Amino acid sequence: MQGISVITNAAGQPKTLTIDVEQHDQSLDPLVNGLLDLLMQKTEDTERQEFLYASGALANRAYSDDEPEYTDAHLIERNPNYRPK
């Protein structure tokens, strides 16, 4: 098909699918658009997961093993050093 090519491995199984989004057969638009939407969603999900993992890893490195255990009560405790302007 025009604008779509498949590269196979030595065993003849599909390895790489290439779609020229400007030159493909227009009857394949729903398929091409669906694949592009799926790839974009997968990329966003993967990036978010990687960001969350990296953020957690950095937060864990910020505290040593002998840090006191903080509870929710500590999060709402008034800061005695805070001076509003």
C-alpha atoms as a PDB file:
ATOM      1  CA  MET A   1       0.000   0.000   0.000  1.00  0.00           C
ATOM      2  CA  GLN A   2       1.150   3.477  -0.763  1.00  0.00           C
ATOM      3  CA  GLY A   3       2.798   5.207   2.186  1.00  0.00           C
ATOM      4  CA  ILE A   4       2.863   2.129   4.443  1.00  0.00           C
ATOM      5  CA  SER A   5       5.734  -0.338   4.664  1.00  0.00           C
ATOM      6  CA  VAL A   6       6.519  -3.259   6.938  1.00  0.00           C
ATOM      7  CA  ILE A   7      10.021  -4.530   7.653  1.00  0.00           C
ATOM      8  CA  THR A   8      10.236  -8.130   8.833  1.00  0.00           C
ATOM      9  CA  ASN A   9      12.882  -9.936  10.855  1.00  0.00           C
ATOM     10  CA  ALA A  10      14.778 -13.002   9.639  1.00  0.00           C
ATOM     11  CA  ALA A  11      11.870 -15.244  10.655  1.00  0.00           C
ATOM     12  CA  GLY A  12       9.464 -13.214   8.496  1.00  0.00           C
ATOM     13  CA  GLN A  13       7.632 -11.658  11.441  1.00  0.00           C
ATOM     14  CA  PRO A  14       6.771  -7.935  11.333  1.00  0.00           C
ATOM     15  CA  LYS A  15       9.457  -5.891  13.039  1.00  0.00           C
ATOM     16  CA  THR A  16       8.938  -2.283  11.930  1.00  0.00           C
ATOM     17  CA  LEU A  17       5.858  -0.525  10.564  1.00  0.00           C
ATOM     18  CA  THR A  18       6.429   2.768   8.771  1.00  0.00           C
ATOM     19  CA  ILE A  19       3.583   5.105   7.833  1.00  0.00           C
ATOM     20  CA  ASP A  20       4.129   8.234   5.774  1.00  0.00           C
ATOM     21  CA  VAL A  21       1.300  10.328   7.226  1.00  0.00           C
ATOM     22  CA  GLU A  22       1.227  12.579   4.156  1.00  0.00           C
ATOM     23  CA  GLN A  23       1.503   9.903   1.456  1.00  0.00           C
ATOM     24  CA  HIS A  24      -0.653   7.006   2.720  1.00  0.00           C
ATOM     25  CA  ASP A  25      -3.774   5.735   0.968  1.00  0.00           C
ATOM     26  CA  GLN A  26      -6.605   8.048   2.148  1.00  0.00           C
ATOM     27  CA  SER A  27      -8.928   5.077   2.735  1.00  0.00           C
ATOM     28  CA  LEU A  28      -6.635   4.180   5.645  1.00  0.00           C
ATOM     29  CA  ASP A  29      -7.165   7.504   7.454  1.00  0.00           C
ATOM     30  CA  PRO A  30      -9.193   5.981  10.318  1.00  0.00           C
ATOM     31  CA  LEU A  31      -6.489   3.374  10.933  1.00  0.00           C
ATOM     32  CA  VAL A  32      -3.627   5.868  10.689  1.00  0.00           C
ATOM     33  CA  ASN A  33      -5.389   8.405  12.923  1.00  0.00           C
ATOM     34  CA  GLY A  34      -6.193   5.694  15.469  1.00  0.00           C
ATOM     35  CA  LEU A  35      -2.568   4.538  15.558  1.00  0.00           C
ATOM     36  CA  LEU A  36      -1.293   8.095  15.945  1.00  0.00           C
ATOM     37  CA  ASP A  37      -3.762   8.769  18.776  1.00  0.00           C
ATOM     38  CA  LEU A  38      -2.687   5.562  20.506  1.00  0.00           C
ATOM     39  CA  LEU A  39       1.002   6.428  20.177  1.00  0.00           C
ATOM     40  CA  MET A  40       0.477   9.948  21.531  1.00  0.00           C
ATOM     41  CA  GLN A  41      -1.517   8.637  24.504  1.00  0.00           C
ATOM     42  CA  LYS A  42       1.133   6.000  25.238  1.00  0.00           C
ATOM     43  CA  THR A  43       3.866   8.651  25.106  1.00  0.00           C
ATOM     44  CA  GLU A  44       1.999  10.945  27.536  1.00  0.00           C
ATOM     45  CA  ASP A  45       1.290   8.064  29.953  1.00  0.00           C
ATOM     46  CA  THR A  46       4.912   6.892  29.819  1.00  0.00           C
ATOM     47  CA  GLU A  47       6.277  10.395  30.367  1.00  0.00           C
ATOM     48  CA  ARG A  48       3.974  10.896  33.370  1.00  0.00           C
ATOM     49  CA  GLN A  49       4.988   7.564  34.907  1.00  0.00           C
ATOM     50  CA  GLU A  50       8.685   8.368  34.402  1.00  0.00           C
ATOM     51  CA  PHE A  51       8.197  11.818  35.950  1.00  0.00           C
ATOM     52  CA  LEU A  52       6.414  10.371  38.989  1.00  0.00           C
ATOM     53  CA  TYR A  53       9.099   7.709  39.443  1.00  0.00           C
ATOM     54  CA  ALA A  54      11.929  10.267  39.189  1.00  0.00           C
ATOM     55  CA  SER A  55      10.150  12.640  41.575  1.00  0.00           C
ATOM     56  CA  GLY A  56       9.724   9.859  44.128  1.00  0.00           C
ATOM     57  CA  ALA A  57      13.349   8.800  43.790  1.00  0.00           C
ATOM     58  CA  LEU A  58      14.546  12.384  44.361  1.00  0.00           C
ATOM     59  CA  ALA A  59      12.269  12.784  47.374  1.00  0.00           C
ATOM     60  CA  ASN A  60      13.625   9.561  48.870  1.00  0.00           C
ATOM     61  CA  ARG A  61      17.198  10.793  48.399  1.00  0.00           C
ATOM     62  CA  ALA A  62      16.367  14.020  50.246  1.00  0.00           C
ATOM     63  CA  TYR A  63      15.780  12.175  53.527  1.00  0.00           C
ATOM     64  CA  SER A  64      18.123   9.870  55.394  1.00  0.00           C
ATOM     65  CA  ASP A  65      17.133   6.584  57.021  1.00  0.00           C
ATOM     66  CA  ASP A  66      17.291   8.137  60.506  1.00  0.00           C
ATOM     67  CA  GLU A  67      14.758  10.903  59.752  1.00  0.00           C
ATOM     68  CA  PRO A  68      11.846  11.102  62.188  1.00  0.00           C
ATOM     69  CA  GLU A  69       8.532   9.802  60.948  1.00  0.00           C
ATOM     70  CA  TYR A  70       6.286  12.668  59.925  1.00  0.00           C
ATOM     71  CA  THR A  71       2.530  12.407  60.284  1.00  0.00           C
ATOM     72  CA  ASP A  72      -0.311  14.411  58.773  1.00  0.00           C
ATOM     73  CA  ALA A  73      -0.379  16.464  61.957  1.00  0.00           C
ATOM     74  CA  HIS A  74       3.050  17.810  61.093  1.00  0.00           C
ATOM     75  CA  LEU A  75       1.812  18.979  57.739  1.00  0.00           C
ATOM     76  CA  ILE A  76      -0.833  21.239  59.240  1.00  0.00           C
ATOM     77  CA  GLU A  77       1.279  22.482  62.141  1.00  0.00           C
ATOM     78  CA  ARG A  78       1.731  26.256  62.188  1.00  0.00           C
ATOM     79  CA  ASN A  79       5.240  27.414  61.373  1.00  0.00           C
ATOM     80  CA  PRO A  80       6.356  29.590  64.336  1.00  0.00           C
ATOM     81  CA  ASN A  81       8.977  31.314  62.156  1.00  0.00           C
ATOM     82  CA  TYR A  82       6.471  32.453  59.515  1.00  0.00           C
ATOM     83  CA  ARG A  83       5.959  36.202  59.480  1.00  0.00           C
ATOM     84  CA  PRO A  84       3.327  37.461  57.031  1.00  0.00           C
ATOM     85  CA  LYS A  85       4.247  40.654  55.197  1.00  0.00           C
END
